[in-house]
Amino acid sequence: MPQVMRVSNLYQAPGEIDSILVRRNESEVGALFYKWTDWIQFVAEYSHTESIAHNGNRGKDNSASGGAVLFF
């Protein structure tokens, strides 16, 4: 199962007041692949994302998706 974690930090300049701008974004993604036959593959993916603003506001999101890939 491939898994990826990405982090982005956006720092303030010295002396800047707290704002609603995003300070940190963090996302973890995992995926499953199942090759059923030579011509079809099933895919499932899960993602957890969290954002934090300079003023302390937070946001979280969890999502899942699935699908199939046809080879011909």
N, C-alpha and C. Protein backbone atom coordinates (compact mmCIF):
# COMPACT_ATOMS: atom_id res chain seq x y z
N MET A 1 0.84 -1.18 0.00
CA MET A 1 0.00 0.00 0.00
C MET A 1 0.89 1.24 0.00
N PRO A 2 0.91 2.01 -1.07
CA PRO A 2 1.69 3.25 -1.08
C PRO A 2 1.07 4.27 -0.13
N GLN A 3 1.94 4.97 0.60
CA GLN A 3 1.46 6.02 1.50
C GLN A 3 2.38 7.22 1.37
N VAL A 4 1.78 8.40 1.34
CA VAL A 4 2.54 9.63 1.17
C VAL A 4 2.12 10.62 2.24
N MET A 5 3.09 11.34 2.81
CA MET A 5 2.79 12.41 3.76
C MET A 5 3.46 13.68 3.27
N ARG A 6 2.68 14.74 3.14
CA ARG A 6 3.19 16.03 2.68
C ARG A 6 2.91 17.09 3.74
N VAL A 7 3.90 17.95 3.99
CA VAL A 7 3.74 19.04 4.96
C VAL A 7 4.23 20.32 4.31
N SER A 8 3.48 21.41 4.52
CA SER A 8 3.87 22.73 4.03
C SER A 8 3.78 23.71 5.19
N ASN A 9 4.89 24.35 5.53
CA ASN A 9 4.93 25.36 6.60
C ASN A 9 5.11 26.73 5.99
N LEU A 10 4.24 27.67 6.36
CA LEU A 10 4.30 29.04 5.85
C LEU A 10 4.47 29.98 7.04
N TYR A 11 5.68 30.43 7.26
CA TYR A 11 6.00 31.23 8.44
C TYR A 11 5.71 32.71 8.22
N GLN A 12 5.49 33.43 9.32
CA GLN A 12 5.27 34.88 9.28
C GLN A 12 6.61 35.60 9.34
N ALA A 13 6.60 36.83 8.87
CA ALA A 13 7.79 37.69 8.97
C ALA A 13 7.90 38.20 10.41
N PRO A 14 9.10 38.51 10.88
CA PRO A 14 9.25 39.06 12.23
C PRO A 14 8.43 40.34 12.41
N GLY A 15 7.70 40.43 13.52
CA GLY A 15 6.90 41.61 13.82
C GLY A 15 5.51 41.60 13.20
N GLU A 16 5.19 40.62 12.39
CA GLU A 16 3.88 40.54 11.75
C GLU A 16 2.84 40.08 12.77
N ILE A 17 1.62 40.66 12.73
CA ILE A 17 0.57 40.25 13.65
C ILE A 17 -0.08 38.98 13.14
N ASP A 18 -0.71 38.21 14.07
CA ASP A 18 -1.38 36.97 13.67
C ASP A 18 -2.50 37.26 12.68
N SER A 19 -2.60 36.43 11.69
CA SER A 19 -3.63 36.61 10.66
C SER A 19 -4.37 35.30 10.45
N ILE A 20 -5.36 35.33 9.56
CA ILE A 20 -6.12 34.12 9.25
C ILE A 20 -5.45 33.30 8.15
N LEU A 21 -4.28 33.74 7.71
CA LEU A 21 -3.57 33.00 6.66
C LEU A 21 -3.09 31.65 7.19
N VAL A 22 -2.99 30.69 6.31
CA VAL A 22 -2.60 29.33 6.69
C VAL A 22 -1.13 29.31 7.11
N ARG A 23 -0.87 28.68 8.26
CA ARG A 23 0.49 28.51 8.75
C ARG A 23 1.05 27.15 8.35
N ARG A 24 0.19 26.11 8.42
CA ARG A 24 0.67 24.75 8.14
C ARG A 24 -0.43 23.94 7.47
N ASN A 25 -0.07 23.25 6.40
CA ASN A 25 -0.93 22.26 5.75
C ASN A 25 -0.25 20.91 5.87
N GLU A 26 -1.01 19.88 6.22
CA GLU A 26 -0.46 18.54 6.33
C GLU A 26 -1.46 17.56 5.74
N SER A 27 -0.98 16.64 4.92
CA SER A 27 -1.87 15.69 4.27
C SER A 27 -1.21 14.32 4.22
N GLU A 28 -1.99 13.29 4.56
CA GLU A 28 -1.54 11.90 4.46
C GLU A 28 -2.48 11.18 3.51
N VAL A 29 -1.92 10.45 2.57
CA VAL A 29 -2.71 9.74 1.57
C VAL A 29 -2.25 8.30 1.49
N GLY A 30 -3.20 7.37 1.48
CA GLY A 30 -2.90 5.95 1.30
C GLY A 30 -3.76 5.39 0.18
N ALA A 31 -3.22 4.43 -0.56
CA ALA A 31 -3.95 3.86 -1.69
C ALA A 31 -3.77 2.35 -1.74
N LEU A 32 -4.80 1.66 -2.19
CA LEU A 32 -4.76 0.22 -2.43
C LEU A 32 -5.06 -0.04 -3.90
N PHE A 33 -4.34 -0.97 -4.48
CA PHE A 33 -4.55 -1.36 -5.88
C PHE A 33 -4.74 -2.87 -5.93
N TYR A 34 -5.75 -3.32 -6.67
CA TYR A 34 -5.98 -4.76 -6.83
C TYR A 34 -6.20 -5.06 -8.31
N LYS A 35 -5.29 -5.82 -8.90
CA LYS A 35 -5.42 -6.19 -10.31
C LYS A 35 -6.26 -7.46 -10.38
N TRP A 36 -7.50 -7.31 -10.85
CA TRP A 36 -8.44 -8.42 -10.89
C TRP A 36 -8.16 -9.31 -12.09
N THR A 37 -8.02 -8.71 -13.26
CA THR A 37 -7.68 -9.44 -14.49
C THR A 37 -6.62 -8.63 -15.23
N ASP A 38 -6.22 -9.09 -16.41
CA ASP A 38 -5.26 -8.33 -17.22
C ASP A 38 -5.83 -7.00 -17.69
N TRP A 39 -7.15 -6.86 -17.72
CA TRP A 39 -7.74 -5.66 -18.29
C TRP A 39 -8.48 -4.78 -17.28
N ILE A 40 -8.56 -5.17 -16.00
CA ILE A 40 -9.24 -4.31 -15.02
C ILE A 40 -8.47 -4.30 -13.68
N GLN A 41 -8.37 -3.12 -13.11
CA GLN A 41 -7.69 -2.94 -11.82
C GLN A 41 -8.56 -2.05 -10.95
N PHE A 42 -8.78 -2.45 -9.69
CA PHE A 42 -9.56 -1.67 -8.75
C PHE A 42 -8.62 -0.82 -7.89
N VAL A 43 -9.08 0.40 -7.57
CA VAL A 43 -8.27 1.35 -6.82
C VAL A 43 -9.12 1.93 -5.68
N ALA A 44 -8.53 2.02 -4.48
CA ALA A 44 -9.18 2.68 -3.34
C ALA A 44 -8.16 3.63 -2.72
N GLU A 45 -8.64 4.81 -2.27
CA GLU A 45 -7.73 5.81 -1.72
C GLU A 45 -8.38 6.47 -0.51
N TYR A 46 -7.56 6.73 0.51
CA TYR A 46 -8.01 7.44 1.72
C TYR A 46 -7.07 8.61 1.96
N SER A 47 -7.63 9.74 2.38
CA SER A 47 -6.82 10.95 2.61
C SER A 47 -7.26 11.63 3.90
N HIS A 48 -6.28 12.06 4.70
CA HIS A 48 -6.54 12.87 5.90
C HIS A 48 -5.74 14.16 5.75
N THR A 49 -6.41 15.30 5.84
CA THR A 49 -5.76 16.60 5.68
C THR A 49 -6.08 17.48 6.88
N GLU A 50 -5.08 18.24 7.33
CA GLU A 50 -5.27 19.17 8.45
C GLU A 50 -4.56 20.48 8.12
N SER A 51 -5.24 21.60 8.39
CA SER A 51 -4.67 22.94 8.18
C SER A 51 -4.78 23.74 9.47
N ILE A 52 -3.75 24.55 9.74
CA ILE A 52 -3.74 25.40 10.93
C ILE A 52 -3.38 26.81 10.47
N ALA A 53 -4.15 27.81 10.94
CA ALA A 53 -3.88 29.21 10.60
C ALA A 53 -2.98 29.85 11.66
N HIS A 54 -2.41 30.98 11.35
CA HIS A 54 -1.55 31.70 12.29
C HIS A 54 -2.31 32.15 13.54
N ASN A 55 -3.63 32.37 13.42
CA ASN A 55 -4.41 32.81 14.58
C ASN A 55 -4.98 31.64 15.39
N GLY A 56 -4.63 30.39 15.04
CA GLY A 56 -5.08 29.23 15.80
C GLY A 56 -6.27 28.49 15.20
N ASN A 57 -6.93 29.05 14.19
CA ASN A 57 -8.03 28.33 13.54
C ASN A 57 -7.50 27.03 12.94
N ARG A 58 -8.35 25.99 12.97
CA ARG A 58 -7.96 24.69 12.44
C ARG A 58 -9.06 24.14 11.53
N GLY A 59 -8.65 23.33 10.59
CA GLY A 59 -9.58 22.64 9.72
C GLY A 59 -9.07 21.24 9.45
N LYS A 60 -9.98 20.25 9.47
CA LYS A 60 -9.60 18.85 9.21
C LYS A 60 -10.54 18.27 8.17
N ASP A 61 -10.04 17.32 7.40
CA ASP A 61 -10.85 16.67 6.39
C ASP A 61 -10.39 15.23 6.21
N ASN A 62 -11.35 14.32 6.11
CA ASN A 62 -11.08 12.92 5.79
C ASN A 62 -11.90 12.58 4.55
N SER A 63 -11.28 11.91 3.60
CA SER A 63 -12.03 11.54 2.40
C SER A 63 -11.57 10.18 1.91
N ALA A 64 -12.48 9.49 1.24
CA ALA A 64 -12.18 8.19 0.64
C ALA A 64 -12.76 8.17 -0.76
N SER A 65 -12.10 7.46 -1.64
CA SER A 65 -12.60 7.34 -3.01
C SER A 65 -12.22 5.97 -3.55
N GLY A 66 -12.92 5.57 -4.58
CA GLY A 66 -12.66 4.27 -5.20
C GLY A 66 -12.99 4.32 -6.68
N GLY A 67 -12.45 3.37 -7.40
CA GLY A 67 -12.71 3.34 -8.83
C GLY A 67 -12.07 2.13 -9.48
N ALA A 68 -12.15 2.10 -10.78
CA ALA A 68 -11.58 1.01 -11.57
C ALA A 68 -10.85 1.59 -12.77
N VAL A 69 -9.80 0.88 -13.18
CA VAL A 69 -9.02 1.28 -14.35
C VAL A 69 -9.14 0.15 -15.37
N LEU A 70 -9.53 0.50 -16.58
CA LEU A 70 -9.64 -0.49 -17.66
C LEU A 70 -8.44 -0.38 -18.58
N PHE A 71 -7.84 -1.51 -18.90
CA PHE A 71 -6.72 -1.56 -19.83
C PHE A 71 -7.18 -2.26 -21.10
N PHE A 72 -6.98 -1.63 -22.24
CA PHE A 72 -7.33 -2.28 -23.51
C PHE A 72 -6.41 -1.83 -24.60
